[in-house]
Amino acid sequence: MSGKVYTRGGDAGQTSLLGGVRVDKDDLRIEVYGTMDEGTSALGLARATTKYDDLCRHIIDLQGELIPVMSEAAFVPGGKALKFEIPQVQPPQVERLERLIDHYNEEWIQTGQFVRPGGSPASAAMDMARAIFRRAERRLVSLNREEAVNPHLVKYVNRLSDLLYVLARIDEQRTLIDTITQQMPAALQTAVSDNGRFPGELEMELTLKECDRLIEAGIRRAQEIGVPMVLTVVDQNGDVIESRRMDDALIVSVTLAPHKAYTAATVRLPTHELAQAAQPGQSLFGIDVNLPKITLVGGGLPLHKDGKVVGAVGVSGGSVAQDIDVAQAMVAAY
């Protein structure tokens, strides 16, 4: 017969640490391992929702490792002798977390922007776990003021939070890339050749002469509406072929115009259409904060030839409507 879940031993607001020492339930040591328990539960949500086997495997390993870690936090010398030895966190455990961080940092495409958690269900759960373990670290620092705490334990919890932050970015980044691939037009879902190019792509590359023609057409239209612009043409990979800044064009447009062109080329959509697909609840929500150089500002248009994207144009300097107007003039010239 299994034991009861409830014992009534804590009805007076106290509980026992490992070793039998009785303390109040809001004791700092209880707060430490109780907070770790919260984080472990949040990791369970992440494990249940991630689609990626390597991330799931790491989470399972962490949950297993956290059991003795919490035991260390729950033990205080001076109590009853235990029948088993309480393990303590050692430097190799901290180093293992650092190696994992370094490994996934190679994959992570960093944007330099503040993160808005929720790019994927699993990343949201990992961000929640990360914040919980940050709280556990703060509780450990408070506990250390009252009694000595294993310094490797503090380092471990710190690195664990860092690792969860990176793993969350990897999960949402992979999810976003998978979604973009699925959303790409059917015409682009063709096999690429061994050199990584679409069939016939060498014959479709934009020439500098063609780019000159597009830029000149855009400048003429910008002059007609009286707005100085920055005009950019990129190839199918989003790499700049030509970019020109008209006299008195805004400085910020020097950066924004190439980003618009890059976005239109790599996502294969006009930037103003991508903006609609990136609204909350839509399939590409969060793309602008999770991938570098992606912008949702109108003024980037892809260039098509024989049903395939061969490059894109980006225009910045006026209102969104004006930028799109000039970009359309460039596309028409192509």
Protein backbone atom coordinates (compact mmCIF):
# COMPACT_ATOMS: atom_id res chain seq x y z
CA MET A 1 0.00 0.00 0.00
CA SER A 2 1.43 3.37 -1.00
CA GLY A 3 1.93 6.15 1.54
CA LYS A 4 -0.33 9.15 1.75
CA VAL A 5 0.54 12.30 -0.13
CA TYR A 6 -0.29 14.44 2.88
CA THR A 7 1.43 13.99 6.25
CA ARG A 8 0.05 16.93 8.28
CA GLY A 9 3.63 17.48 9.47
CA GLY A 10 3.74 20.98 8.03
CA ASP A 11 0.38 22.23 9.21
CA ALA A 12 2.03 24.50 11.76
CA GLY A 13 4.08 26.26 9.07
CA GLN A 14 7.29 24.31 9.50
CA THR A 15 9.03 21.57 7.55
CA SER A 16 12.15 19.41 7.82
CA LEU A 17 15.39 19.85 5.94
CA LEU A 18 17.54 16.83 5.09
CA GLY A 19 18.98 15.77 8.41
CA GLY A 20 15.73 16.43 10.27
CA VAL A 21 16.32 20.08 11.21
CA ARG A 22 12.93 21.82 11.51
CA VAL A 23 12.61 25.28 9.98
CA ASP A 24 9.85 27.65 8.97
CA LYS A 25 8.52 27.09 5.47
CA ASP A 26 9.71 30.53 4.39
CA ASP A 27 13.26 29.82 5.56
CA LEU A 28 15.85 30.96 2.99
CA ARG A 29 17.08 27.42 2.42
CA ILE A 30 13.51 26.29 1.70
CA GLU A 31 13.18 29.24 -0.66
CA VAL A 32 16.33 28.16 -2.50
CA TYR A 33 15.40 24.57 -3.26
CA GLY A 34 11.70 25.41 -3.60
CA THR A 35 12.57 27.91 -6.31
CA MET A 36 14.77 25.31 -8.02
CA ASP A 37 11.80 22.94 -7.92
CA GLU A 38 9.72 25.58 -9.73
CA GLY A 39 12.42 25.86 -12.38
CA THR A 40 12.58 22.09 -12.80
CA SER A 41 8.82 21.99 -13.36
CA ALA A 42 9.08 24.73 -15.99
CA LEU A 43 11.77 22.64 -17.69
CA GLY A 44 9.22 19.83 -17.85
CA LEU A 45 6.95 22.08 -19.89
CA ALA A 46 9.86 22.91 -22.19
CA ARG A 47 10.70 19.22 -22.58
CA ALA A 48 7.08 18.40 -23.44
CA THR A 49 6.82 21.09 -26.12
CA THR A 50 10.17 21.26 -27.92
CA LYS A 51 10.34 19.60 -31.32
CA TYR A 52 14.10 19.16 -31.25
CA ASP A 53 15.65 15.96 -29.91
CA ASP A 54 18.96 17.48 -28.82
CA LEU A 55 17.25 20.15 -26.74
CA CYS A 56 14.92 17.58 -25.20
CA ARG A 57 17.88 15.38 -24.28
CA HIS A 58 19.69 18.27 -22.57
CA ILE A 59 16.58 19.17 -20.59
CA ILE A 60 16.17 15.58 -19.40
CA ASP A 61 19.82 15.54 -18.31
CA LEU A 62 19.41 18.83 -16.46
CA GLN A 63 16.30 17.63 -14.65
CA GLY A 64 18.21 14.57 -13.48
CA GLU A 65 21.20 16.62 -12.37
CA LEU A 66 19.01 19.05 -10.47
CA ILE A 67 17.80 16.33 -8.09
CA PRO A 68 21.14 16.10 -6.21
CA VAL A 69 21.62 19.86 -6.63
CA MET A 70 18.36 20.45 -4.76
CA SER A 71 19.43 17.87 -2.16
CA GLU A 72 22.55 19.90 -1.49
CA ALA A 73 20.44 23.02 -1.04
CA ALA A 74 18.10 21.14 1.32
CA PHE A 75 20.87 19.85 3.60
CA VAL A 76 22.23 21.72 6.60
CA PRO A 77 24.97 20.30 8.83
CA GLY A 78 24.10 19.64 12.44
CA GLY A 79 21.10 17.40 12.00
CA LYS A 80 20.67 13.66 12.16
CA ALA A 81 23.24 11.47 10.43
CA LEU A 82 22.10 10.40 6.97
CA LYS A 83 22.42 6.94 5.47
CA PHE A 84 23.69 8.44 2.23
CA GLU A 85 26.18 11.12 1.29
CA ILE A 86 24.87 14.43 0.00
CA PRO A 87 26.76 15.25 -3.23
CA GLN A 88 28.03 18.77 -3.77
CA VAL A 89 28.26 20.61 -7.06
CA GLN A 90 31.81 20.41 -8.44
CA PRO A 91 33.66 22.58 -11.01
CA PRO A 92 33.30 19.99 -13.85
CA GLN A 93 29.52 20.40 -13.67
CA VAL A 94 29.85 24.15 -14.16
CA GLU A 95 32.32 23.60 -17.00
CA ARG A 96 29.91 21.21 -18.73
CA LEU A 97 27.22 23.90 -18.78
CA GLU A 98 29.72 26.39 -20.18
CA ARG A 99 30.63 23.98 -23.00
CA LEU A 100 26.96 23.61 -23.90
CA ILE A 101 26.53 27.38 -23.94
CA ASP A 102 29.55 27.77 -26.23
CA HIS A 103 28.28 24.99 -28.51
CA TYR A 104 24.83 26.51 -29.06
CA ASN A 105 26.22 30.02 -29.21
CA GLU A 106 27.77 28.99 -32.54
CA GLU A 107 24.28 28.28 -33.94
CA TRP A 108 22.52 31.28 -32.43
CA ILE A 109 22.00 34.18 -34.86
CA GLN A 110 22.26 37.14 -32.48
CA THR A 111 20.34 40.31 -33.29
CA GLY A 112 21.50 42.58 -30.48
CA GLN A 113 17.87 43.38 -29.64
CA PHE A 114 15.94 42.80 -26.44
CA VAL A 115 14.17 39.45 -26.43
CA ARG A 116 10.39 39.17 -26.20
CA PRO A 117 9.77 35.66 -24.84
CA GLY A 118 7.20 33.60 -26.72
CA GLY A 119 8.79 32.89 -30.08
CA SER A 120 7.80 29.23 -29.62
CA PRO A 121 6.03 27.29 -26.85
CA ALA A 122 9.22 25.55 -25.72
CA SER A 123 11.32 28.73 -25.76
CA ALA A 124 8.67 30.47 -23.65
CA ALA A 125 8.89 27.64 -21.09
CA MET A 126 12.70 27.80 -21.09
CA ASP A 127 12.62 31.57 -20.61
CA MET A 128 10.28 31.02 -17.67
CA ALA A 129 12.67 28.42 -16.20
CA ARG A 130 15.60 30.76 -16.82
CA ALA A 131 13.91 33.57 -14.85
CA ILE A 132 13.03 31.17 -12.02
CA PHE A 133 16.62 29.97 -11.69
CA ARG A 134 17.77 33.59 -11.65
CA ARG A 135 15.54 33.98 -8.60
CA ALA A 136 17.07 30.85 -7.09
CA GLU A 137 20.50 32.42 -7.58
CA ARG A 138 19.37 35.55 -5.75
CA ARG A 139 18.07 33.43 -2.88
CA LEU A 140 21.42 31.64 -2.73
CA VAL A 141 23.24 34.96 -2.46
CA SER A 142 20.96 35.93 0.43
CA LEU A 143 21.53 32.58 2.11
CA ASN A 144 25.29 32.98 1.74
CA ARG A 145 25.12 36.08 3.93
CA GLU A 146 23.81 33.96 6.79
CA GLU A 147 25.82 30.77 6.31
CA ALA A 148 28.50 29.53 3.96
CA VAL A 149 27.22 28.23 0.62
CA ASN A 150 29.18 26.07 -1.79
CA PRO A 151 30.51 28.66 -4.32
CA HIS A 152 30.30 26.10 -7.11
CA LEU A 153 26.57 25.76 -6.42
CA VAL A 154 26.10 29.49 -6.98
CA LYS A 155 28.12 29.32 -10.21
CA TYR A 156 26.15 26.30 -11.39
CA VAL A 157 22.79 28.03 -10.99
CA ASN A 158 24.15 31.11 -12.75
CA ARG A 159 25.44 29.12 -15.74
CA LEU A 160 22.21 27.11 -15.84
CA SER A 161 20.24 30.33 -16.33
CA ASP A 162 22.63 31.38 -19.09
CA LEU A 163 22.27 28.01 -20.81
CA LEU A 164 18.47 28.15 -20.70
CA TYR A 165 18.56 31.61 -22.24
CA VAL A 166 20.61 30.34 -25.18
CA LEU A 167 18.55 27.15 -25.59
CA ALA A 168 15.38 29.25 -25.69
CA ARG A 169 16.85 31.35 -28.50
CA ILE A 170 17.83 28.19 -30.41
CA ASP A 171 14.36 26.67 -30.13
CA GLU A 172 12.57 29.81 -31.31
CA GLN A 173 15.17 30.40 -34.04
CA ARG A 174 14.78 26.87 -35.41
CA THR A 175 10.99 27.12 -35.18
CA LEU A 176 11.03 30.41 -37.06
CA ILE A 177 13.28 29.07 -39.81
CA ASP A 178 11.05 26.00 -40.17
CA THR A 179 7.99 28.24 -40.46
CA ILE A 180 9.60 30.48 -43.07
CA THR A 181 10.59 27.45 -45.12
CA GLN A 182 7.04 26.13 -45.02
CA GLN A 183 5.61 29.54 -45.95
CA MET A 184 7.89 30.08 -48.97
CA PRO A 185 6.07 30.19 -52.30
CA ALA A 186 5.69 26.82 -54.01
CA ALA A 187 7.88 28.01 -56.86
CA LEU A 188 10.81 28.17 -54.46
CA GLN A 189 10.31 24.67 -53.09
CA THR A 190 12.59 23.21 -55.75
CA ALA A 191 15.71 21.13 -55.29
CA VAL A 192 19.00 23.01 -55.38
CA SER A 193 22.04 21.78 -57.20
CA ASP A 194 25.20 20.48 -55.52
CA ASN A 195 26.70 23.98 -55.36
CA GLY A 196 23.72 25.26 -53.39
CA ARG A 197 22.15 27.25 -56.22
CA PHE A 198 18.74 26.98 -57.82
CA PRO A 199 18.84 25.44 -61.30
CA GLY A 200 19.75 28.12 -63.83
CA GLU A 201 20.59 30.64 -61.12
CA LEU A 202 23.91 31.61 -62.70
CA GLU A 203 22.07 32.97 -65.75
CA MET A 204 19.68 34.99 -63.57
CA GLU A 205 22.15 36.99 -61.50
CA LEU A 206 21.71 40.76 -61.67
CA THR A 207 24.39 42.69 -63.51
CA LEU A 208 25.75 46.03 -62.37
CA LYS A 209 24.34 47.59 -65.54
CA GLU A 210 20.87 46.35 -64.64
CA CYS A 211 21.26 47.69 -61.11
CA ASP A 212 22.30 51.08 -62.49
CA ARG A 213 19.10 51.16 -64.54
CA LEU A 214 16.96 50.32 -61.50
CA ILE A 215 18.67 52.90 -59.31
CA GLU A 216 18.32 55.62 -61.95
CA ALA A 217 14.61 54.83 -62.36
CA GLY A 218 14.15 55.09 -58.62
CA ILE A 219 16.02 58.39 -58.42
CA ARG A 220 13.84 59.87 -61.18
CA ARG A 221 10.69 58.88 -59.32
CA ALA A 222 12.05 60.20 -56.00
CA GLN A 223 12.82 63.53 -57.70
CA GLU A 224 9.29 63.66 -59.14
CA ILE A 225 7.74 63.37 -55.68
CA GLY A 226 10.40 65.62 -54.13
CA VAL A 227 11.79 63.20 -51.52
CA PRO A 228 15.54 62.38 -51.27
CA MET A 229 15.98 58.63 -50.89
CA VAL A 230 18.53 55.89 -50.35
CA LEU A 231 18.09 53.18 -52.99
CA THR A 232 19.59 49.68 -52.78
CA VAL A 233 19.68 46.62 -55.01
CA VAL A 234 20.72 43.20 -53.62
CA ASP A 235 21.16 39.74 -55.12
CA GLN A 236 19.05 36.67 -54.28
CA ASN A 237 21.08 36.11 -51.10
CA GLY A 238 20.45 39.64 -49.84
CA ASP A 239 24.00 40.83 -50.51
CA VAL A 240 24.27 44.43 -51.70
CA ILE A 241 25.20 44.96 -55.34
CA GLU A 242 24.61 48.70 -55.45
CA SER A 243 23.35 51.35 -53.03
CA ARG A 244 23.08 55.10 -53.59
CA ARG A 245 22.18 57.95 -51.29
CA MET A 246 20.60 61.02 -52.84
CA ASP A 247 21.61 64.45 -51.53
CA ASP A 248 20.00 65.24 -48.17
CA ALA A 249 18.60 61.72 -47.68
CA LEU A 250 18.17 60.70 -44.04
CA ILE A 251 21.20 59.08 -42.40
CA VAL A 252 19.07 56.27 -40.96
CA SER A 253 18.03 55.37 -44.50
CA VAL A 254 21.60 54.33 -45.27
CA THR A 255 21.02 51.35 -42.95
CA LEU A 256 17.30 50.83 -43.48
CA ALA A 257 17.23 50.64 -47.30
CA PRO A 258 19.68 47.68 -47.49
CA HIS A 259 17.76 45.94 -44.68
CA LYS A 260 14.52 46.31 -46.62
CA ALA A 261 16.14 44.84 -49.72
CA TYR A 262 17.73 42.02 -47.70
CA THR A 263 14.38 41.14 -46.13
CA ALA A 264 12.52 41.10 -49.44
CA ALA A 265 15.20 38.92 -51.05
CA THR A 266 15.64 36.35 -48.28
CA VAL A 267 12.01 36.04 -47.17
CA ARG A 268 10.78 36.31 -50.78
CA LEU A 269 8.05 38.76 -49.84
CA PRO A 270 7.52 42.53 -50.04
CA THR A 271 8.32 43.96 -46.63
CA HIS A 272 4.85 45.49 -46.23
CA GLU A 273 3.29 42.04 -46.81
CA LEU A 274 5.71 40.45 -44.36
CA ALA A 275 4.56 43.02 -41.79
CA GLN A 276 1.03 41.62 -42.03
CA ALA A 277 2.24 38.02 -41.57
CA ALA A 278 4.31 39.07 -38.54
CA GLN A 279 1.43 40.46 -36.49
CA PRO A 280 0.55 38.76 -33.15
CA GLY A 281 -1.16 35.46 -33.81
CA GLN A 282 0.13 35.21 -37.38
CA SER A 283 2.56 32.59 -38.69
CA LEU A 284 5.68 34.81 -38.74
CA PHE A 285 5.15 36.74 -35.52
CA GLY A 286 8.50 37.69 -33.98
CA ILE A 287 10.59 37.31 -37.15
CA ASP A 288 11.85 40.90 -36.89
CA VAL A 289 13.30 40.44 -33.40
CA ASN A 290 14.73 36.96 -33.86
CA LEU A 291 16.64 37.28 -37.15
CA PRO A 292 19.21 39.98 -37.94
CA LYS A 293 18.59 42.61 -40.65
CA ILE A 294 14.92 41.67 -40.97
CA THR A 295 12.61 44.69 -41.10
CA LEU A 296 8.84 45.02 -41.40
CA VAL A 297 8.95 48.57 -42.79
CA GLY A 298 7.46 48.88 -46.27
CA GLY A 299 9.77 49.73 -49.17
CA GLY A 300 11.43 46.40 -49.93
CA LEU A 301 10.30 44.48 -53.01
CA PRO A 302 11.66 41.24 -54.51
CA LEU A 303 12.75 41.04 -58.16
CA HIS A 304 11.39 38.07 -60.11
CA LYS A 305 12.56 36.43 -63.30
CA ASP A 306 10.99 33.30 -64.74
CA GLY A 307 9.05 32.78 -61.54
CA LYS A 308 12.09 32.93 -59.25
CA VAL A 309 13.49 35.63 -56.98
CA VAL A 310 16.79 36.92 -58.36
CA GLY A 311 17.24 39.85 -56.01
CA ALA A 312 15.37 42.74 -54.40
CA VAL A 313 15.24 46.49 -54.07
CA GLY A 314 15.01 48.56 -50.91
CA VAL A 315 14.04 52.22 -50.62
CA SER A 316 14.06 54.49 -47.58
CA GLY A 317 13.70 58.20 -47.02
CA GLY A 318 10.04 59.12 -47.16
CA SER A 319 6.78 57.76 -45.81
CA VAL A 320 6.09 54.06 -46.23
CA ALA A 321 3.77 54.83 -49.15
CA GLN A 322 6.45 56.98 -50.81
CA ASP A 323 9.13 54.35 -50.28
CA ILE A 324 6.90 51.67 -51.84
CA ASP A 325 6.09 54.00 -54.74
CA VAL A 326 9.77 54.50 -55.59
CA ALA A 327 10.54 50.79 -55.08
CA GLN A 328 7.76 49.93 -57.55
CA ALA A 329 9.35 52.27 -60.09
CA MET A 330 12.61 50.37 -59.70
CA VAL A 331 10.88 47.00 -60.16
CA ALA A 332 9.09 48.33 -63.24
CA ALA A 333 12.44 49.32 -64.74
CA TYR A 334 13.63 45.71 -64.32
